[in-house]
């Protein structure tokens, strides 16, 4: 899984980590050697990618795209198109989670999570699963079962309430502008991630903020 802004080199490193973890000898020294990018790709293809079932998931991929769906990073664009052609007869897949169309790729609109799917997602959280059913139903209605929102709200709830009891409406107040966004959202699955991320950044101390900015 790769999230948000990425590059061709980051994609290759992610694949390399999986190859090394599986003990594939040919993959272990790729990034410590001075070989060029295309040579690394060739080595990974021949020694790992062609021999494995690989699933590459790109979350929040629209951070890499313009409003027309075009990729700002040409090398990343070349890599995903190359992998698309190379993997079409293999058992491996690439999935891109994005609001924008990607040229030369097939798009499928994913509906909101059902109530049953939402509960399964909540059951995997550490703090939100303490919410009572009434609160969960309001949360589901407000957020549209958006998985990233569930993940981020679980972190915020952990920071704000710890082991203390809380309700969804109480948690919602912790994020500025969220209520307004819920009342005026354009779609049922509107993306609230950036509002939640801004709130999470407030938990960093000055040194952590400076490191992140750097």
N, C-alpha and C. Protein backbone atom coordinates (compact mmCIF):
# COMPACT_ATOMS: atom_id res chain seq x y z
N UNK A 1 0.85 -1.19 0.00
CA UNK A 1 0.00 0.00 0.00
C UNK A 1 0.89 1.24 0.00
N UNK A 2 0.62 2.15 -0.94
CA UNK A 2 1.31 3.44 -0.98
C UNK A 2 0.27 4.53 -0.84
N UNK A 3 0.50 5.49 0.03
CA UNK A 3 -0.49 6.53 0.30
C UNK A 3 -0.02 7.89 -0.16
N UNK A 4 -0.93 8.62 -0.81
CA UNK A 4 -0.68 10.01 -1.14
C UNK A 4 0.41 10.19 -2.18
N UNK A 5 1.15 11.30 -2.04
CA UNK A 5 2.19 11.65 -2.99
C UNK A 5 3.28 10.60 -3.01
N UNK A 6 3.63 10.12 -4.19
CA UNK A 6 4.64 9.06 -4.29
C UNK A 6 5.50 9.29 -5.52
N UNK A 7 6.46 8.41 -5.75
CA UNK A 7 7.35 8.51 -6.90
C UNK A 7 7.67 7.11 -7.39
N UNK A 8 8.26 7.03 -8.58
CA UNK A 8 8.63 5.73 -9.13
C UNK A 8 9.61 5.02 -8.20
N UNK A 9 10.56 5.77 -7.66
CA UNK A 9 11.56 5.17 -6.77
C UNK A 9 10.90 4.62 -5.50
N UNK A 10 9.92 5.34 -4.96
CA UNK A 10 9.21 4.86 -3.76
C UNK A 10 8.44 3.58 -4.05
N UNK A 11 7.85 3.49 -5.24
CA UNK A 11 7.12 2.27 -5.63
C UNK A 11 8.08 1.10 -5.70
N UNK A 12 9.23 1.31 -6.33
CA UNK A 12 10.22 0.23 -6.44
C UNK A 12 10.75 -0.18 -5.07
N UNK A 13 10.96 0.80 -4.19
CA UNK A 13 11.43 0.47 -2.84
C UNK A 13 10.41 -0.38 -2.09
N UNK A 14 9.13 -0.06 -2.27
CA UNK A 14 8.07 -0.82 -1.61
C UNK A 14 8.08 -2.28 -2.10
N UNK A 15 8.21 -2.46 -3.42
CA UNK A 15 8.27 -3.80 -3.99
C UNK A 15 9.53 -4.52 -3.50
N UNK A 16 10.63 -3.78 -3.47
CA UNK A 16 11.90 -4.36 -3.02
C UNK A 16 11.82 -4.85 -1.58
N UNK A 17 11.16 -4.07 -0.71
CA UNK A 17 11.00 -4.48 0.70
C UNK A 17 10.27 -5.80 0.81
N UNK A 18 9.22 -5.97 -0.02
CA UNK A 18 8.46 -7.22 0.00
C UNK A 18 9.31 -8.38 -0.49
N UNK A 19 10.09 -8.12 -1.54
CA UNK A 19 10.96 -9.17 -2.10
C UNK A 19 12.01 -9.60 -1.07
N UNK A 20 12.63 -8.60 -0.43
CA UNK A 20 13.66 -8.90 0.57
C UNK A 20 13.06 -9.65 1.75
N UNK A 21 11.83 -9.25 2.16
CA UNK A 21 11.16 -9.92 3.28
C UNK A 21 10.86 -11.38 2.97
N UNK A 22 10.66 -11.69 1.69
CA UNK A 22 10.39 -13.07 1.27
C UNK A 22 11.68 -13.87 1.09
N UNK A 23 12.82 -13.21 1.31
CA UNK A 23 14.10 -13.91 1.24
C UNK A 23 14.63 -14.13 -0.16
N UNK A 24 14.17 -13.34 -1.12
CA UNK A 24 14.65 -13.49 -2.49
C UNK A 24 16.03 -12.85 -2.60
N UNK A 25 17.06 -13.69 -2.75
CA UNK A 25 18.44 -13.23 -2.70
C UNK A 25 18.75 -12.14 -3.73
N UNK A 26 18.24 -12.34 -4.95
CA UNK A 26 18.55 -11.38 -6.02
C UNK A 26 18.03 -9.97 -5.73
N UNK A 27 17.01 -9.89 -4.87
CA UNK A 27 16.40 -8.58 -4.58
C UNK A 27 17.12 -7.83 -3.47
N UNK A 28 17.87 -8.55 -2.65
CA UNK A 28 18.40 -7.95 -1.43
C UNK A 28 19.38 -6.80 -1.66
N UNK A 29 20.22 -6.91 -2.68
CA UNK A 29 21.25 -5.90 -2.84
C UNK A 29 20.94 -4.82 -3.86
N UNK A 30 19.72 -4.80 -4.38
CA UNK A 30 19.41 -3.88 -5.48
C UNK A 30 19.63 -2.43 -5.09
N UNK A 31 19.13 -2.02 -3.94
CA UNK A 31 19.18 -0.60 -3.58
C UNK A 31 20.49 -0.20 -2.90
N UNK A 32 21.30 -1.18 -2.55
CA UNK A 32 22.61 -0.83 -2.00
C UNK A 32 23.66 -0.77 -3.11
N UNK A 33 23.29 -1.23 -4.31
CA UNK A 33 24.22 -1.19 -5.45
C UNK A 33 23.99 0.10 -6.24
N UNK A 34 24.99 0.52 -7.02
CA UNK A 34 24.88 1.80 -7.75
C UNK A 34 24.13 1.69 -9.08
N UNK A 35 23.34 0.62 -9.28
CA UNK A 35 22.67 0.44 -10.57
C UNK A 35 21.60 1.50 -10.79
N UNK A 36 21.32 1.79 -12.05
CA UNK A 36 20.35 2.81 -12.42
C UNK A 36 18.92 2.35 -12.17
N UNK A 37 18.01 3.33 -12.18
CA UNK A 37 16.58 3.08 -11.94
C UNK A 37 16.02 1.97 -12.83
N UNK A 38 16.28 2.05 -14.15
CA UNK A 38 15.71 1.06 -15.07
C UNK A 38 16.29 -0.33 -14.82
N UNK A 39 17.54 -0.38 -14.39
CA UNK A 39 18.16 -1.66 -14.06
C UNK A 39 17.52 -2.26 -12.81
N UNK A 40 17.21 -1.41 -11.82
CA UNK A 40 16.52 -1.88 -10.60
C UNK A 40 15.16 -2.47 -10.97
N UNK A 41 14.45 -1.76 -11.84
CA UNK A 41 13.13 -2.22 -12.27
C UNK A 41 13.23 -3.57 -12.97
N UNK A 42 14.20 -3.69 -13.88
CA UNK A 42 14.38 -4.95 -14.60
C UNK A 42 14.69 -6.10 -13.64
N UNK A 43 15.55 -5.86 -12.66
CA UNK A 43 15.92 -6.89 -11.69
C UNK A 43 14.72 -7.30 -10.85
N UNK A 44 13.92 -6.32 -10.43
CA UNK A 44 12.73 -6.63 -9.63
C UNK A 44 11.71 -7.40 -10.46
N UNK A 45 11.54 -7.03 -11.72
CA UNK A 45 10.60 -7.73 -12.59
C UNK A 45 11.01 -9.19 -12.75
N UNK A 46 12.26 -9.41 -13.11
CA UNK A 46 12.72 -10.76 -13.43
C UNK A 46 12.82 -11.65 -12.20
N UNK A 47 13.24 -11.09 -11.08
CA UNK A 47 13.50 -11.92 -9.89
C UNK A 47 12.36 -11.97 -8.88
N UNK A 48 11.37 -11.08 -9.03
CA UNK A 48 10.31 -11.05 -8.03
C UNK A 48 8.92 -10.87 -8.62
N UNK A 49 8.71 -9.75 -9.35
CA UNK A 49 7.35 -9.40 -9.78
C UNK A 49 6.74 -10.48 -10.68
N UNK A 50 7.52 -11.02 -11.62
CA UNK A 50 6.99 -12.03 -12.52
C UNK A 50 6.69 -13.35 -11.80
N UNK A 51 7.32 -13.54 -10.64
CA UNK A 51 7.21 -14.83 -9.94
C UNK A 51 6.19 -14.81 -8.79
N UNK A 52 5.63 -13.64 -8.49
CA UNK A 52 4.74 -13.51 -7.33
C UNK A 52 3.38 -12.97 -7.75
N UNK A 53 2.38 -13.21 -6.91
CA UNK A 53 1.11 -12.49 -7.05
C UNK A 53 1.26 -11.20 -6.26
N UNK A 54 1.20 -10.09 -6.98
CA UNK A 54 1.48 -8.80 -6.36
C UNK A 54 0.24 -7.91 -6.42
N UNK A 55 -0.07 -7.26 -5.31
CA UNK A 55 -1.17 -6.29 -5.29
C UNK A 55 -0.62 -4.95 -4.83
N UNK A 56 -0.62 -3.98 -5.74
CA UNK A 56 -0.16 -2.63 -5.41
C UNK A 56 -1.39 -1.74 -5.25
N UNK A 57 -1.59 -1.19 -4.06
CA UNK A 57 -2.73 -0.31 -3.80
C UNK A 57 -2.22 1.11 -3.59
N UNK A 58 -2.69 2.03 -4.42
CA UNK A 58 -2.31 3.44 -4.31
C UNK A 58 -3.49 4.21 -3.72
N UNK A 59 -3.40 4.54 -2.43
CA UNK A 59 -4.48 5.30 -1.78
C UNK A 59 -4.24 6.80 -1.95
N UNK A 60 -5.35 7.56 -1.96
CA UNK A 60 -5.25 9.03 -2.11
C UNK A 60 -4.36 9.39 -3.29
N UNK A 61 -4.52 8.66 -4.39
CA UNK A 61 -3.63 8.84 -5.54
C UNK A 61 -3.83 10.18 -6.23
N UNK A 62 -4.97 10.84 -6.01
CA UNK A 62 -5.22 12.13 -6.65
C UNK A 62 -4.21 13.19 -6.23
N UNK A 63 -3.46 12.94 -5.15
CA UNK A 63 -2.40 13.88 -4.76
C UNK A 63 -1.28 13.92 -5.80
N UNK A 64 -1.24 12.89 -6.66
CA UNK A 64 -0.22 12.83 -7.71
C UNK A 64 -0.74 13.37 -9.05
N UNK A 65 -2.02 13.78 -9.07
CA UNK A 65 -2.66 14.14 -10.33
C UNK A 65 -3.08 15.61 -10.40
N UNK A 66 -3.23 16.08 -11.64
CA UNK A 66 -3.85 17.38 -11.88
C UNK A 66 -5.37 17.17 -11.87
N UNK A 67 -6.14 18.24 -11.98
CA UNK A 67 -7.61 18.11 -12.00
C UNK A 67 -8.10 17.37 -13.23
N UNK A 68 -7.24 17.27 -14.27
CA UNK A 68 -7.62 16.51 -15.47
C UNK A 68 -7.20 15.05 -15.35
N UNK A 69 -6.59 14.68 -14.23
CA UNK A 69 -6.17 13.30 -14.02
C UNK A 69 -4.76 13.00 -14.47
N UNK A 70 -4.11 13.97 -15.13
CA UNK A 70 -2.75 13.75 -15.63
C UNK A 70 -1.76 13.72 -14.46
N UNK A 71 -0.76 12.84 -14.54
CA UNK A 71 0.24 12.75 -13.49
C UNK A 71 1.29 13.84 -13.65
N UNK A 72 1.60 14.52 -12.55
CA UNK A 72 2.61 15.57 -12.58
C UNK A 72 4.01 15.01 -12.68
N UNK A 73 4.22 13.77 -12.17
CA UNK A 73 5.54 13.13 -12.18
C UNK A 73 5.64 12.21 -13.39
N UNK A 74 6.44 12.60 -14.37
CA UNK A 74 6.52 11.85 -15.63
C UNK A 74 7.08 10.45 -15.44
N UNK A 75 8.08 10.32 -14.56
CA UNK A 75 8.68 8.99 -14.34
C UNK A 75 7.68 8.05 -13.68
N UNK A 76 6.88 8.57 -12.74
CA UNK A 76 5.84 7.75 -12.12
C UNK A 76 4.81 7.33 -13.16
N UNK A 77 4.46 8.25 -14.05
CA UNK A 77 3.51 7.95 -15.12
C UNK A 77 4.06 6.84 -16.02
N UNK A 78 5.33 6.93 -16.37
CA UNK A 78 5.97 5.90 -17.20
C UNK A 78 5.96 4.55 -16.50
N UNK A 79 6.24 4.57 -15.19
CA UNK A 79 6.32 3.31 -14.44
C UNK A 79 4.96 2.61 -14.38
N UNK A 80 3.89 3.34 -14.03
CA UNK A 80 2.60 2.65 -13.88
C UNK A 80 2.07 2.17 -15.23
N UNK A 81 2.36 2.92 -16.31
CA UNK A 81 1.96 2.45 -17.63
C UNK A 81 2.77 1.23 -18.04
N UNK A 82 4.05 1.23 -17.69
CA UNK A 82 4.92 0.09 -17.99
C UNK A 82 4.45 -1.15 -17.23
N UNK A 83 4.17 -0.98 -15.93
CA UNK A 83 3.69 -2.11 -15.12
C UNK A 83 2.33 -2.60 -15.61
N UNK A 84 1.49 -1.66 -16.03
CA UNK A 84 0.18 -2.03 -16.57
C UNK A 84 0.34 -3.01 -17.73
N UNK A 85 1.24 -2.71 -18.64
CA UNK A 85 1.48 -3.57 -19.79
C UNK A 85 2.16 -4.88 -19.38
N UNK A 86 3.13 -4.79 -18.47
CA UNK A 86 3.90 -5.96 -18.08
C UNK A 86 3.07 -6.96 -17.25
N UNK A 87 2.12 -6.44 -16.48
CA UNK A 87 1.37 -7.31 -15.56
C UNK A 87 0.04 -7.80 -16.12
N UNK A 88 -0.31 -7.37 -17.33
CA UNK A 88 -1.67 -7.68 -17.83
C UNK A 88 -1.92 -9.18 -18.01
N UNK A 89 -0.86 -9.95 -18.25
CA UNK A 89 -1.02 -11.41 -18.40
C UNK A 89 -0.57 -12.16 -17.16
N UNK A 90 -0.27 -11.43 -16.10
CA UNK A 90 0.18 -12.06 -14.84
C UNK A 90 -0.98 -12.07 -13.84
N UNK A 91 -0.71 -12.57 -12.64
CA UNK A 91 -1.73 -12.60 -11.59
C UNK A 91 -1.67 -11.38 -10.69
N UNK A 92 -0.86 -10.40 -11.04
CA UNK A 92 -0.69 -9.21 -10.19
C UNK A 92 -1.64 -8.09 -10.62
N UNK A 93 -1.92 -7.19 -9.67
CA UNK A 93 -2.88 -6.11 -9.92
C UNK A 93 -2.37 -4.79 -9.35
N UNK A 94 -2.83 -3.69 -9.96
CA UNK A 94 -2.65 -2.36 -9.40
C UNK A 94 -4.02 -1.74 -9.21
N UNK A 95 -4.26 -1.17 -8.03
CA UNK A 95 -5.53 -0.50 -7.74
C UNK A 95 -5.23 0.93 -7.32
N UNK A 96 -5.91 1.89 -7.94
CA UNK A 96 -5.71 3.30 -7.63
C UNK A 96 -6.99 3.87 -7.02
N UNK A 97 -6.90 4.40 -5.81
CA UNK A 97 -8.04 5.04 -5.17
C UNK A 97 -7.91 6.54 -5.41
N UNK A 98 -8.77 7.10 -6.26
CA UNK A 98 -8.66 8.50 -6.65
C UNK A 98 -10.00 9.03 -7.13
N UNK A 99 -10.16 10.34 -7.00
CA UNK A 99 -11.40 10.97 -7.50
C UNK A 99 -11.31 11.24 -8.99
N UNK A 100 -10.09 11.27 -9.53
CA UNK A 100 -9.90 11.64 -10.93
C UNK A 100 -9.73 10.40 -11.81
N UNK A 101 -10.12 10.53 -13.07
CA UNK A 101 -9.84 9.47 -14.05
C UNK A 101 -8.33 9.41 -14.29
N UNK A 102 -7.81 8.21 -14.54
CA UNK A 102 -6.41 8.06 -14.92
C UNK A 102 -6.37 7.63 -16.38
N UNK A 103 -5.76 8.44 -17.26
CA UNK A 103 -5.71 8.08 -18.67
C UNK A 103 -5.16 6.67 -18.89
N UNK A 104 -5.84 5.89 -19.75
CA UNK A 104 -5.44 4.53 -20.14
C UNK A 104 -5.75 3.49 -19.07
N UNK A 105 -6.47 3.87 -18.00
CA UNK A 105 -6.88 2.91 -16.98
C UNK A 105 -8.40 2.84 -16.92
N UNK A 106 -8.92 1.69 -16.51
CA UNK A 106 -10.37 1.51 -16.38
C UNK A 106 -10.83 1.97 -15.01
N UNK A 107 -11.87 2.81 -14.97
CA UNK A 107 -12.37 3.33 -13.69
C UNK A 107 -13.66 2.63 -13.26
N UNK A 108 -13.78 2.42 -11.96
CA UNK A 108 -14.99 1.85 -11.37
C UNK A 108 -15.39 2.73 -10.19
N UNK A 109 -16.62 3.20 -10.17
CA UNK A 109 -17.08 4.01 -9.04
C UNK A 109 -17.47 3.09 -7.89
N UNK A 110 -16.84 3.31 -6.75
CA UNK A 110 -17.10 2.46 -5.58
C UNK A 110 -18.18 3.10 -4.73
N UNK A 111 -19.27 2.38 -4.45
CA UNK A 111 -20.35 2.95 -3.64
C UNK A 111 -19.93 3.07 -2.17
N UNK A 112 -20.67 3.84 -1.37
CA UNK A 112 -20.37 3.93 0.06
C UNK A 112 -20.47 2.56 0.72
N UNK A 113 -19.80 2.40 1.83
CA UNK A 113 -19.90 1.14 2.58
C UNK A 113 -21.33 0.93 3.06
N UNK A 114 -21.77 -0.30 3.03
CA UNK A 114 -23.07 -0.63 3.61
C UNK A 114 -22.95 -0.56 5.14
N UNK A 115 -24.09 -0.55 5.81
CA UNK A 115 -24.09 -0.51 7.28
C UNK A 115 -23.32 -1.71 7.83
N UNK A 116 -23.51 -2.87 7.25
CA UNK A 116 -22.83 -4.09 7.71
C UNK A 116 -21.32 -3.95 7.50
N UNK A 117 -20.89 -3.44 6.35
CA UNK A 117 -19.47 -3.26 6.07
C UNK A 117 -18.86 -2.22 7.01
N UNK A 118 -19.64 -1.18 7.28
CA UNK A 118 -19.19 -0.12 8.18
C UNK A 118 -18.94 -0.68 9.59
N UNK A 119 -19.84 -1.53 10.07
CA UNK A 119 -19.67 -2.13 11.40
C UNK A 119 -18.43 -3.03 11.46
N UNK A 120 -18.17 -3.72 10.37
CA UNK A 120 -16.96 -4.57 10.32
C UNK A 120 -15.71 -3.71 10.40
N UNK A 121 -15.76 -2.55 9.74
CA UNK A 121 -14.64 -1.61 9.78
C UNK A 121 -14.46 -1.04 11.19
N UNK A 122 -15.56 -0.65 11.82
CA UNK A 122 -15.53 -0.11 13.19
C UNK A 122 -14.98 -1.14 14.16
N UNK A 123 -15.31 -2.40 13.94
CA UNK A 123 -14.86 -3.47 14.84
C UNK A 123 -13.34 -3.60 14.84
N UNK A 124 -12.67 -3.09 13.81
CA UNK A 124 -11.22 -3.18 13.72
C UNK A 124 -10.53 -1.98 14.37
N UNK A 125 -11.31 -1.00 14.82
CA UNK A 125 -10.72 0.20 15.45
C UNK A 125 -10.39 -0.08 16.91
N UNK A 126 -9.60 0.80 17.51
CA UNK A 126 -9.23 0.61 18.91
C UNK A 126 -10.14 1.39 19.86
N UNK A 127 -10.70 2.54 19.41
CA UNK A 127 -11.48 3.41 20.28
C UNK A 127 -12.92 3.57 19.80
N UNK A 128 -13.13 3.77 18.50
CA UNK A 128 -14.48 4.00 17.98
C UNK A 128 -15.43 2.84 18.24
N UNK A 129 -14.91 1.65 18.39
CA UNK A 129 -15.78 0.50 18.63
C UNK A 129 -16.48 0.58 19.98
N UNK A 130 -16.08 1.54 20.82
CA UNK A 130 -16.78 1.75 22.10
C UNK A 130 -18.06 2.56 21.94
N UNK A 131 -18.25 3.19 20.78
CA UNK A 131 -19.45 4.00 20.57
C UNK A 131 -20.71 3.12 20.59
N UNK A 132 -21.78 3.66 21.19
CA UNK A 132 -23.06 2.94 21.21
C UNK A 132 -23.70 3.00 19.82
N UNK A 133 -24.68 2.13 19.57
CA UNK A 133 -25.26 1.99 18.24
C UNK A 133 -25.86 3.30 17.72
N UNK A 134 -26.52 4.06 18.59
CA UNK A 134 -27.13 5.32 18.16
C UNK A 134 -26.06 6.28 17.62
N UNK A 135 -24.93 6.37 18.35
CA UNK A 135 -23.82 7.22 17.92
C UNK A 135 -23.23 6.72 16.60
N UNK A 136 -23.10 5.40 16.48
CA UNK A 136 -22.53 4.82 15.26
C UNK A 136 -23.41 5.10 14.05
N UNK A 137 -24.72 5.05 14.25
CA UNK A 137 -25.63 5.31 13.13
C UNK A 137 -25.52 6.77 12.65
N UNK A 138 -25.36 7.69 13.61
CA UNK A 138 -25.19 9.10 13.23
C UNK A 138 -23.85 9.31 12.53
N UNK A 139 -22.81 8.66 13.05
CA UNK A 139 -21.49 8.71 12.44
C UNK A 139 -21.56 8.18 11.00
N UNK A 140 -22.24 7.05 10.82
CA UNK A 140 -22.37 6.44 9.49
C UNK A 140 -23.12 7.37 8.53
N UNK A 141 -24.18 7.98 9.02
CA UNK A 141 -24.96 8.91 8.20
C UNK A 141 -24.14 10.14 7.82
N UNK A 142 -23.41 10.68 8.80
CA UNK A 142 -22.63 11.90 8.57
C UNK A 142 -21.45 11.67 7.62
N UNK A 143 -20.69 10.60 7.88
CA UNK A 143 -19.43 10.40 7.17
C UNK A 143 -19.55 9.50 5.95
N UNK A 144 -20.71 8.88 5.73
CA UNK A 144 -20.88 8.04 4.55
C UNK A 144 -20.05 6.77 4.56
N UNK A 145 -19.60 6.34 5.73
CA UNK A 145 -18.81 5.12 5.81
C UNK A 145 -17.46 5.25 5.13
N UNK A 146 -16.89 6.47 5.10
CA UNK A 146 -15.62 6.70 4.42
C UNK A 146 -14.47 6.08 5.24
N UNK A 147 -13.78 5.04 4.72
CA UNK A 147 -12.80 4.29 5.52
C UNK A 147 -11.67 5.13 6.10
N UNK A 148 -11.15 6.09 5.31
CA UNK A 148 -10.03 6.91 5.80
C UNK A 148 -10.49 7.78 6.97
N UNK A 149 -11.74 8.25 6.91
CA UNK A 149 -12.27 9.05 8.01
C UNK A 149 -12.37 8.22 9.28
N UNK A 150 -12.79 6.97 9.14
CA UNK A 150 -12.88 6.07 10.31
C UNK A 150 -11.51 5.91 10.95
N UNK A 151 -10.51 5.67 10.12
CA UNK A 151 -9.15 5.47 10.62
C UNK A 151 -8.64 6.71 11.36
N UNK A 152 -8.83 7.89 10.75
CA UNK A 152 -8.32 9.11 11.35
C UNK A 152 -9.10 9.51 12.60
N UNK A 153 -10.42 9.32 12.58
CA UNK A 153 -11.22 9.65 13.76
C UNK A 153 -10.87 8.74 14.94
N UNK A 154 -10.48 7.52 14.65
CA UNK A 154 -10.08 6.61 15.72
C UNK A 154 -8.85 7.15 16.45
N UNK A 155 -7.90 7.74 15.68
CA UNK A 155 -6.70 8.33 16.28
C UNK A 155 -7.06 9.56 17.10
N UNK A 156 -7.93 10.41 16.53
CA UNK A 156 -8.35 11.62 17.24
C UNK A 156 -9.08 11.27 18.54
N UNK A 157 -9.97 10.28 18.48
CA UNK A 157 -10.71 9.85 19.67
C UNK A 157 -9.76 9.32 20.74
N UNK A 158 -8.74 8.60 20.32
CA UNK A 158 -7.75 8.07 21.26
C UNK A 158 -7.04 9.21 21.98
N UNK A 159 -6.64 10.24 21.23
CA UNK A 159 -5.94 11.38 21.82
C UNK A 159 -6.86 12.19 22.74
N UNK A 160 -8.11 12.39 22.32
CA UNK A 160 -9.01 13.28 23.04
C UNK A 160 -9.67 12.63 24.26
N UNK A 161 -10.01 11.35 24.15
CA UNK A 161 -10.84 10.74 25.20
C UNK A 161 -10.17 9.57 25.93
N UNK A 162 -9.15 8.98 25.31
CA UNK A 162 -8.49 7.86 25.97
C UNK A 162 -9.48 6.76 26.32
N UNK A 163 -9.54 6.41 27.61
CA UNK A 163 -10.46 5.37 28.07
C UNK A 163 -11.81 5.92 28.54
N UNK A 164 -11.99 7.24 28.46
CA UNK A 164 -13.25 7.86 28.92
C UNK A 164 -14.37 7.65 27.89
N UNK A 165 -15.60 7.55 28.36
CA UNK A 165 -16.74 7.40 27.44
C UNK A 165 -16.96 8.68 26.62
N UNK A 166 -17.48 8.55 25.41
CA UNK A 166 -17.76 9.71 24.57
C UNK A 166 -18.83 9.33 23.54
N UNK A 167 -19.42 10.35 22.92
CA UNK A 167 -20.42 10.15 21.86
C UNK A 167 -19.88 10.73 20.56
N UNK A 168 -20.46 10.35 19.44
CA UNK A 168 -20.02 10.84 18.14
C UNK A 168 -20.13 12.36 18.05
N UNK A 169 -21.23 12.94 18.52
CA UNK A 169 -21.40 14.39 18.43
C UNK A 169 -20.30 15.12 19.20
N UNK A 170 -19.86 14.53 20.31
CA UNK A 170 -18.78 15.11 21.11
C UNK A 170 -17.45 15.03 20.35
N UNK A 171 -17.24 13.92 19.68
CA UNK A 171 -16.02 13.74 18.89
C UNK A 171 -16.01 14.68 17.69
N UNK A 172 -17.18 14.84 17.05
CA UNK A 172 -17.28 15.68 15.86
C UNK A 172 -16.86 17.12 16.14
N UNK A 173 -17.12 17.59 17.36
CA UNK A 173 -16.77 18.97 17.74
C UNK A 173 -15.27 19.20 17.81
N UNK A 174 -14.49 18.12 17.84
CA UNK A 174 -13.03 18.26 17.95
C UNK A 174 -12.40 18.71 16.65
N UNK A 175 -13.14 18.61 15.55
CA UNK A 175 -12.58 18.96 14.24
C UNK A 175 -13.24 20.24 13.72
N UNK A 176 -12.51 21.36 13.65
CA UNK A 176 -13.10 22.62 13.16
C UNK A 176 -13.67 22.47 11.76
N UNK A 177 -14.80 23.09 11.51
CA UNK A 177 -15.46 23.13 10.19
C UNK A 177 -16.11 21.80 9.78
N UNK A 178 -15.95 20.77 10.58
CA UNK A 178 -16.47 19.47 10.16
C UNK A 178 -17.99 19.48 10.10
N UNK A 179 -18.65 20.04 11.12
CA UNK A 179 -20.11 20.09 11.13
C UNK A 179 -20.63 20.83 9.91
N UNK A 180 -19.98 21.95 9.59
CA UNK A 180 -20.38 22.74 8.42
C UNK A 180 -20.21 21.92 7.14
N UNK A 181 -19.10 21.19 7.05
CA UNK A 181 -18.86 20.36 5.86
C UNK A 181 -19.90 19.25 5.74
N UNK A 182 -20.32 18.68 6.87
CA UNK A 182 -21.32 17.62 6.86
C UNK A 182 -22.66 18.16 6.37
N UNK A 183 -23.03 19.35 6.84
CA UNK A 183 -24.31 19.94 6.46
C UNK A 183 -24.35 20.34 4.99
N UNK A 184 -23.19 20.70 4.43
CA UNK A 184 -23.17 21.21 3.06
C UNK A 184 -22.34 20.34 2.13
N UNK A 185 -22.11 19.09 2.48
CA UNK A 185 -21.27 18.24 1.63
C UNK A 185 -21.94 17.97 0.28
N UNK A 186 -21.11 17.86 -0.74
CA UNK A 186 -21.61 17.69 -2.11
C UNK A 186 -22.09 16.28 -2.38
N UNK A 187 -21.39 15.29 -1.80
CA UNK A 187 -21.75 13.90 -2.07
C UNK A 187 -21.78 13.11 -0.77
N UNK A 188 -22.36 11.93 -0.86
CA UNK A 188 -22.48 11.08 0.34
C UNK A 188 -21.11 10.62 0.83
N UNK A 189 -20.14 10.50 -0.09
CA UNK A 189 -18.81 10.03 0.29
C UNK A 189 -17.79 11.17 0.23
N UNK A 190 -18.20 12.38 0.57
CA UNK A 190 -17.29 13.53 0.54
C UNK A 190 -16.03 13.25 1.36
N UNK A 191 -14.90 13.73 0.86
CA UNK A 191 -13.61 13.46 1.49
C UNK A 191 -13.32 14.51 2.57
N UNK A 192 -13.21 14.05 3.82
CA UNK A 192 -12.94 14.95 4.95
C UNK A 192 -11.49 14.84 5.43
N UNK A 193 -10.67 14.07 4.68
CA UNK A 193 -9.34 13.73 5.17
C UNK A 193 -8.51 14.94 5.57
N UNK A 194 -8.52 15.99 4.72
CA UNK A 194 -7.61 17.10 5.00
C UNK A 194 -7.98 17.81 6.30
N UNK A 195 -9.28 17.88 6.63
CA UNK A 195 -9.69 18.49 7.90
C UNK A 195 -9.21 17.66 9.08
N UNK A 196 -9.28 16.34 8.92
CA UNK A 196 -8.87 15.45 10.00
C UNK A 196 -7.35 15.48 10.18
N UNK A 197 -6.63 15.53 9.04
CA UNK A 197 -5.17 15.55 9.12
C UNK A 197 -4.68 16.82 9.81
N UNK A 198 -5.33 17.96 9.53
CA UNK A 198 -4.94 19.21 10.18
C UNK A 198 -5.07 19.09 11.70
N UNK A 199 -6.14 18.44 12.13
CA UNK A 199 -6.34 18.25 13.57
C UNK A 199 -5.27 17.35 14.16
N UNK A 200 -4.90 16.29 13.43
CA UNK A 200 -3.87 15.37 13.93
C UNK A 200 -2.52 16.07 14.05
N UNK A 201 -2.24 17.02 13.15
CA UNK A 201 -0.96 17.74 13.20
C UNK A 201 -0.82 18.55 14.49
N UNK A 202 -1.96 18.94 15.07
CA UNK A 202 -1.92 19.71 16.33
C UNK A 202 -1.35 18.91 17.48
N UNK A 203 -1.34 17.58 17.35
CA UNK A 203 -0.81 16.74 18.43
C UNK A 203 0.71 16.67 18.42
N UNK A 204 1.34 17.16 17.34
CA UNK A 204 2.80 17.13 17.26
C UNK A 204 3.40 18.28 18.07
N UNK A 205 4.51 18.01 18.74
CA UNK A 205 5.19 19.09 19.47
C UNK A 205 6.02 19.92 18.49
N UNK A 206 6.67 20.98 18.98
CA UNK A 206 7.40 21.91 18.11
C UNK A 206 8.50 21.21 17.32
N UNK A 207 9.24 20.32 17.99
CA UNK A 207 10.34 19.61 17.31
C UNK A 207 9.81 18.71 16.20
N UNK A 208 8.70 18.03 16.48
CA UNK A 208 8.10 17.16 15.48
C UNK A 208 7.56 17.96 14.30
N UNK A 209 6.96 19.11 14.61
CA UNK A 209 6.44 19.99 13.54
C UNK A 209 7.60 20.46 12.65
N UNK A 210 8.71 20.84 13.29
CA UNK A 210 9.86 21.34 12.54
C UNK A 210 10.43 20.24 11.65
N UNK A 211 10.51 19.03 12.16
CA UNK A 211 11.01 17.90 11.38
C UNK A 211 10.11 17.63 10.19
N UNK A 212 8.81 17.65 10.42
CA UNK A 212 7.84 17.42 9.35
C UNK A 212 7.94 18.50 8.28
N UNK A 213 8.05 19.76 8.70
CA UNK A 213 8.18 20.87 7.75
C UNK A 213 9.45 20.73 6.92
N UNK A 214 10.53 20.27 7.56
CA UNK A 214 11.79 20.08 6.85
C UNK A 214 11.65 19.01 5.77
